[in-house]
Amino acid sequence: MSLTRKHSEFVKKLKIVCEADTSANPGGWTEDNPMWGHCAVVAVLAQGCFGGRILKGSLKEHEKYAYLRSHFWNELPDGKQVDFTAEQYPDLVFTELKAEERSRENILSHPDSSDRFGLLKQRFKALA
């Protein structure tokens, strides 16, 4: 799916602000793959920017990524599903995952996710 201009600008900014300290898996994060481990916090940030719903899919059946347990993406108000961190997994198609809605409150109820989101949001706002 091609992104709109504002969604592409959002991803461009993400590539600047997503760092190892905001990744759920900092050991796997690299400058070449800045989205690594950011799906949950990016989905919350995207919902704040664009509205819509946050969706979660299990990775337990995906041999290569099962250790990560789950992946998050967004459903925009127009019903289109967008994975703003899709490039972190070159061989995963998020639309093949069974989607379950998750609230931002649920995601941010985890202290690590809340801390990472706060830092990511602060950096993102500083670029505006």
C-alpha atoms as a PDB file:
ATOM      1  CA  MET A   1       0.000   0.000   0.000  1.00  0.00           C
ATOM      2  CA  SER A   2       1.356   3.413  -0.878  1.00  0.00           C
ATOM      3  CA  LEU A   3       1.314   6.038   1.832  1.00  0.00           C
ATOM      4  CA  THR A   4      -0.117   9.522   1.497  1.00  0.00           C
ATOM      5  CA  ARG A   5       2.290  12.437   1.657  1.00  0.00           C
ATOM      6  CA  LYS A   6       1.542  13.151   5.339  1.00  0.00           C
ATOM      7  CA  HIS A   7       2.004   9.475   6.207  1.00  0.00           C
ATOM      8  CA  SER A   8       5.303   9.393   4.297  1.00  0.00           C
ATOM      9  CA  GLU A   9       6.456  12.510   6.195  1.00  0.00           C
ATOM     10  CA  PHE A  10       5.517  10.748   9.437  1.00  0.00           C
ATOM     11  CA  VAL A  11       7.708   7.758   8.505  1.00  0.00           C
ATOM     12  CA  LYS A  12      10.558  10.067   7.485  1.00  0.00           C
ATOM     13  CA  LYS A  13      10.481  11.681  10.942  1.00  0.00           C
ATOM     14  CA  LEU A  14      10.293   8.267  12.613  1.00  0.00           C
ATOM     15  CA  LYS A  15      13.551   7.251  10.954  1.00  0.00           C
ATOM     16  CA  ILE A  16      15.185  10.216  12.681  1.00  0.00           C
ATOM     17  CA  VAL A  17      13.728   9.731  16.169  1.00  0.00           C
ATOM     18  CA  CYS A  18      13.649   5.926  16.495  1.00  0.00           C
ATOM     19  CA  GLU A  19      16.811   4.884  18.296  1.00  0.00           C
ATOM     20  CA  ALA A  20      18.031   1.919  20.320  1.00  0.00           C
ATOM     21  CA  ASP A  21      16.735   3.417  23.582  1.00  0.00           C
ATOM     22  CA  THR A  22      13.177   3.567  22.222  1.00  0.00           C
ATOM     23  CA  SER A  23      13.284   0.037  20.764  1.00  0.00           C
ATOM     24  CA  ALA A  24      11.701  -2.952  22.531  1.00  0.00           C
ATOM     25  CA  ASN A  25      14.736  -4.913  21.345  1.00  0.00           C
ATOM     26  CA  PRO A  26      17.695  -2.513  21.542  1.00  0.00           C
ATOM     27  CA  GLY A  27      20.184  -5.290  20.825  1.00  0.00           C
ATOM     28  CA  GLY A  28      18.600  -5.836  17.422  1.00  0.00           C
ATOM     29  CA  TRP A  29      18.322  -2.143  16.552  1.00  0.00           C
ATOM     30  CA  THR A  30      20.736  -0.716  13.981  1.00  0.00           C
ATOM     31  CA  GLU A  31      21.084   2.580  12.139  1.00  0.00           C
ATOM     32  CA  ASP A  32      20.267   0.622   8.972  1.00  0.00           C
ATOM     33  CA  ASN A  33      17.016  -0.617  10.542  1.00  0.00           C
ATOM     34  CA  PRO A  34      15.841   2.220  12.813  1.00  0.00           C
ATOM     35  CA  MET A  35      12.259   0.930  13.005  1.00  0.00           C
ATOM     36  CA  TRP A  36      13.372  -2.299  14.687  1.00  0.00           C
ATOM     37  CA  GLY A  37      11.393  -2.923  17.865  1.00  0.00           C
ATOM     38  CA  HIS A  38       9.245   0.183  17.557  1.00  0.00           C
ATOM     39  CA  CYS A  39       5.898  -1.160  16.369  1.00  0.00           C
ATOM     40  CA  ALA A  40       3.951  -0.715  19.627  1.00  0.00           C
ATOM     41  CA  VAL A  41       5.138   2.797  20.460  1.00  0.00           C
ATOM     42  CA  VAL A  42       4.893   3.932  16.835  1.00  0.00           C
ATOM     43  CA  ALA A  43       1.330   2.586  16.613  1.00  0.00           C
ATOM     44  CA  VAL A  44       0.401   4.654  19.679  1.00  0.00           C
ATOM     45  CA  LEU A  45       2.112   7.730  18.237  1.00  0.00           C
ATOM     46  CA  ALA A  46       0.400   7.231  14.864  1.00  0.00           C
ATOM     47  CA  GLN A  47      -2.999   6.882  16.510  1.00  0.00           C
ATOM     48  CA  GLY A  48      -2.400  10.187  18.289  1.00  0.00           C
ATOM     49  CA  CYS A  49      -1.508  11.841  14.982  1.00  0.00           C
ATOM     50  CA  PHE A  50      -4.043  10.249  12.642  1.00  0.00           C
ATOM     51  CA  GLY A  51      -6.763   8.649  14.790  1.00  0.00           C
ATOM     52  CA  GLY A  52      -8.116   5.176  14.093  1.00  0.00           C
ATOM     53  CA  ARG A  53      -7.405   1.920  15.854  1.00  0.00           C
ATOM     54  CA  ILE A  54      -4.295   0.047  16.962  1.00  0.00           C
ATOM     55  CA  LEU A  55      -4.127  -3.573  15.846  1.00  0.00           C
ATOM     56  CA  LYS A  56      -1.979  -6.386  17.182  1.00  0.00           C
ATOM     57  CA  GLY A  57      -1.074  -9.685  15.582  1.00  0.00           C
ATOM     58  CA  SER A  58       0.677 -12.708  17.036  1.00  0.00           C
ATOM     59  CA  LEU A  59       4.076 -13.680  15.650  1.00  0.00           C
ATOM     60  CA  LYS A  60       4.180 -17.040  17.430  1.00  0.00           C
ATOM     61  CA  GLU A  61       3.610 -18.902  14.144  1.00  0.00           C
ATOM     62  CA  HIS A  62       6.320 -16.978  12.289  1.00  0.00           C
ATOM     63  CA  GLU A  63       9.506 -19.030  12.652  1.00  0.00           C
ATOM     64  CA  LYS A  64      11.909 -16.117  12.253  1.00  0.00           C
ATOM     65  CA  TYR A  65      10.110 -13.605  14.515  1.00  0.00           C
ATOM     66  CA  ALA A  66       8.296 -15.788  17.059  1.00  0.00           C
ATOM     67  CA  TYR A  67      10.643 -14.623  19.835  1.00  0.00           C
ATOM     68  CA  LEU A  68       9.222 -11.102  19.431  1.00  0.00           C
ATOM     69  CA  ARG A  69       5.744 -12.451  20.267  1.00  0.00           C
ATOM     70  CA  SER A  70       3.624  -9.774  18.558  1.00  0.00           C
ATOM     71  CA  HIS A  71       3.454  -6.953  16.059  1.00  0.00           C
ATOM     72  CA  PHE A  72       1.382  -3.746  16.079  1.00  0.00           C
ATOM     73  CA  TRP A  73       0.063  -1.580  13.253  1.00  0.00           C
ATOM     74  CA  ASN A  74      -2.724   0.920  12.628  1.00  0.00           C
ATOM     75  CA  GLU A  75      -6.118   1.020  11.025  1.00  0.00           C
ATOM     76  CA  LEU A  76      -6.777   4.593   9.940  1.00  0.00           C
ATOM     77  CA  PRO A  77     -10.221   6.231  10.243  1.00  0.00           C
ATOM     78  CA  ASP A  78     -10.899   5.468   6.550  1.00  0.00           C
ATOM     79  CA  GLY A  79     -10.426   1.730   7.255  1.00  0.00           C
ATOM     80  CA  LYS A  80      -7.022   1.384   5.558  1.00  0.00           C
ATOM     81  CA  GLN A  81      -4.494  -0.621   7.527  1.00  0.00           C
ATOM     82  CA  VAL A  82      -0.984   0.824   7.641  1.00  0.00           C
ATOM     83  CA  ASP A  83       2.163  -0.589   9.180  1.00  0.00           C
ATOM     84  CA  PHE A  84       4.397   2.423   9.725  1.00  0.00           C
ATOM     85  CA  THR A  85       7.262   0.148  10.833  1.00  0.00           C
ATOM     86  CA  ALA A  86       6.855  -2.437   8.053  1.00  0.00           C
ATOM     87  CA  GLU A  87      10.412  -2.046   6.813  1.00  0.00           C
ATOM     88  CA  GLN A  88      11.791  -3.568  10.012  1.00  0.00           C
ATOM     89  CA  TYR A  89      10.592  -6.959   8.726  1.00  0.00           C
ATOM     90  CA  PRO A  90      11.430  -7.325   5.031  1.00  0.00           C
ATOM     91  CA  ASP A  91       9.858 -10.784   4.925  1.00  0.00           C
ATOM     92  CA  LEU A  92       6.702 -10.278   7.004  1.00  0.00           C
ATOM     93  CA  VAL A  93       3.339  -9.218   5.600  1.00  0.00           C
ATOM     94  CA  PHE A  94       1.364  -7.744   8.485  1.00  0.00           C
ATOM     95  CA  THR A  95      -1.961  -8.234   6.698  1.00  0.00           C
ATOM     96  CA  GLU A  96      -1.406 -11.995   6.961  1.00  0.00           C
ATOM     97  CA  LEU A  97      -1.524 -11.753  10.762  1.00  0.00           C
ATOM     98  CA  LYS A  98      -4.821 -12.168  12.606  1.00  0.00           C
ATOM     99  CA  ALA A  99      -5.595  -8.701  13.932  1.00  0.00           C
ATOM    100  CA  GLU A 100      -6.929  -7.913  17.390  1.00  0.00           C
ATOM    101  CA  GLU A 101      -7.616  -4.367  18.536  1.00  0.00           C
ATOM    102  CA  ARG A 102      -5.521  -3.026  21.416  1.00  0.00           C
ATOM    103  CA  SER A 103      -6.037   0.239  23.250  1.00  0.00           C
ATOM    104  CA  ARG A 104      -3.274   2.750  23.757  1.00  0.00           C
ATOM    105  CA  GLU A 105      -3.964   2.396  27.490  1.00  0.00           C
ATOM    106  CA  ASN A 106      -3.232  -1.320  27.287  1.00  0.00           C
ATOM    107  CA  ILE A 107       0.052  -0.757  25.461  1.00  0.00           C
ATOM    108  CA  LEU A 108       1.136   2.078  27.743  1.00  0.00           C
ATOM    109  CA  SER A 109       0.202   0.122  30.890  1.00  0.00           C
ATOM    110  CA  HIS A 110       3.540  -1.650  30.459  1.00  0.00           C
ATOM    111  CA  PRO A 111       6.152   0.606  32.132  1.00  0.00           C
ATOM    112  CA  ASP A 112       8.843  -0.114  29.528  1.00  0.00           C
ATOM    113  CA  SER A 113       6.478   0.724  26.654  1.00  0.00           C
ATOM    114  CA  SER A 114       5.281   3.844  28.438  1.00  0.00           C
ATOM    115  CA  ASP A 115       8.845   5.066  28.996  1.00  0.00           C
ATOM    116  CA  ARG A 116       9.859   4.353  25.401  1.00  0.00           C
ATOM    117  CA  PHE A 117       6.731   6.061  24.081  1.00  0.00           C
ATOM    118  CA  GLY A 118       7.356   9.163  26.189  1.00  0.00           C
ATOM    119  CA  LEU A 119      10.869   9.516  24.848  1.00  0.00           C
ATOM    120  CA  LEU A 120       9.791   8.856  21.252  1.00  0.00           C
ATOM    121  CA  LYS A 121       6.923  11.349  21.482  1.00  0.00           C
ATOM    122  CA  GLN A 122       9.239  14.001  22.948  1.00  0.00           C
ATOM    123  CA  ARG A 123      11.745  13.554  20.120  1.00  0.00           C
ATOM    124  CA  PHE A 124       9.008  13.524  17.490  1.00  0.00           C
ATOM    125  CA  LYS A 125       7.469  16.770  18.784  1.00  0.00           C
ATOM    126  CA  ALA A 126      10.907  18.405  18.821  1.00  0.00           C
ATOM    127  CA  LEU A 127      11.112  17.885  15.027  1.00  0.00           C
ATOM    128  CA  ALA A 128       7.816  19.673  14.355  1.00  0.00           C
END
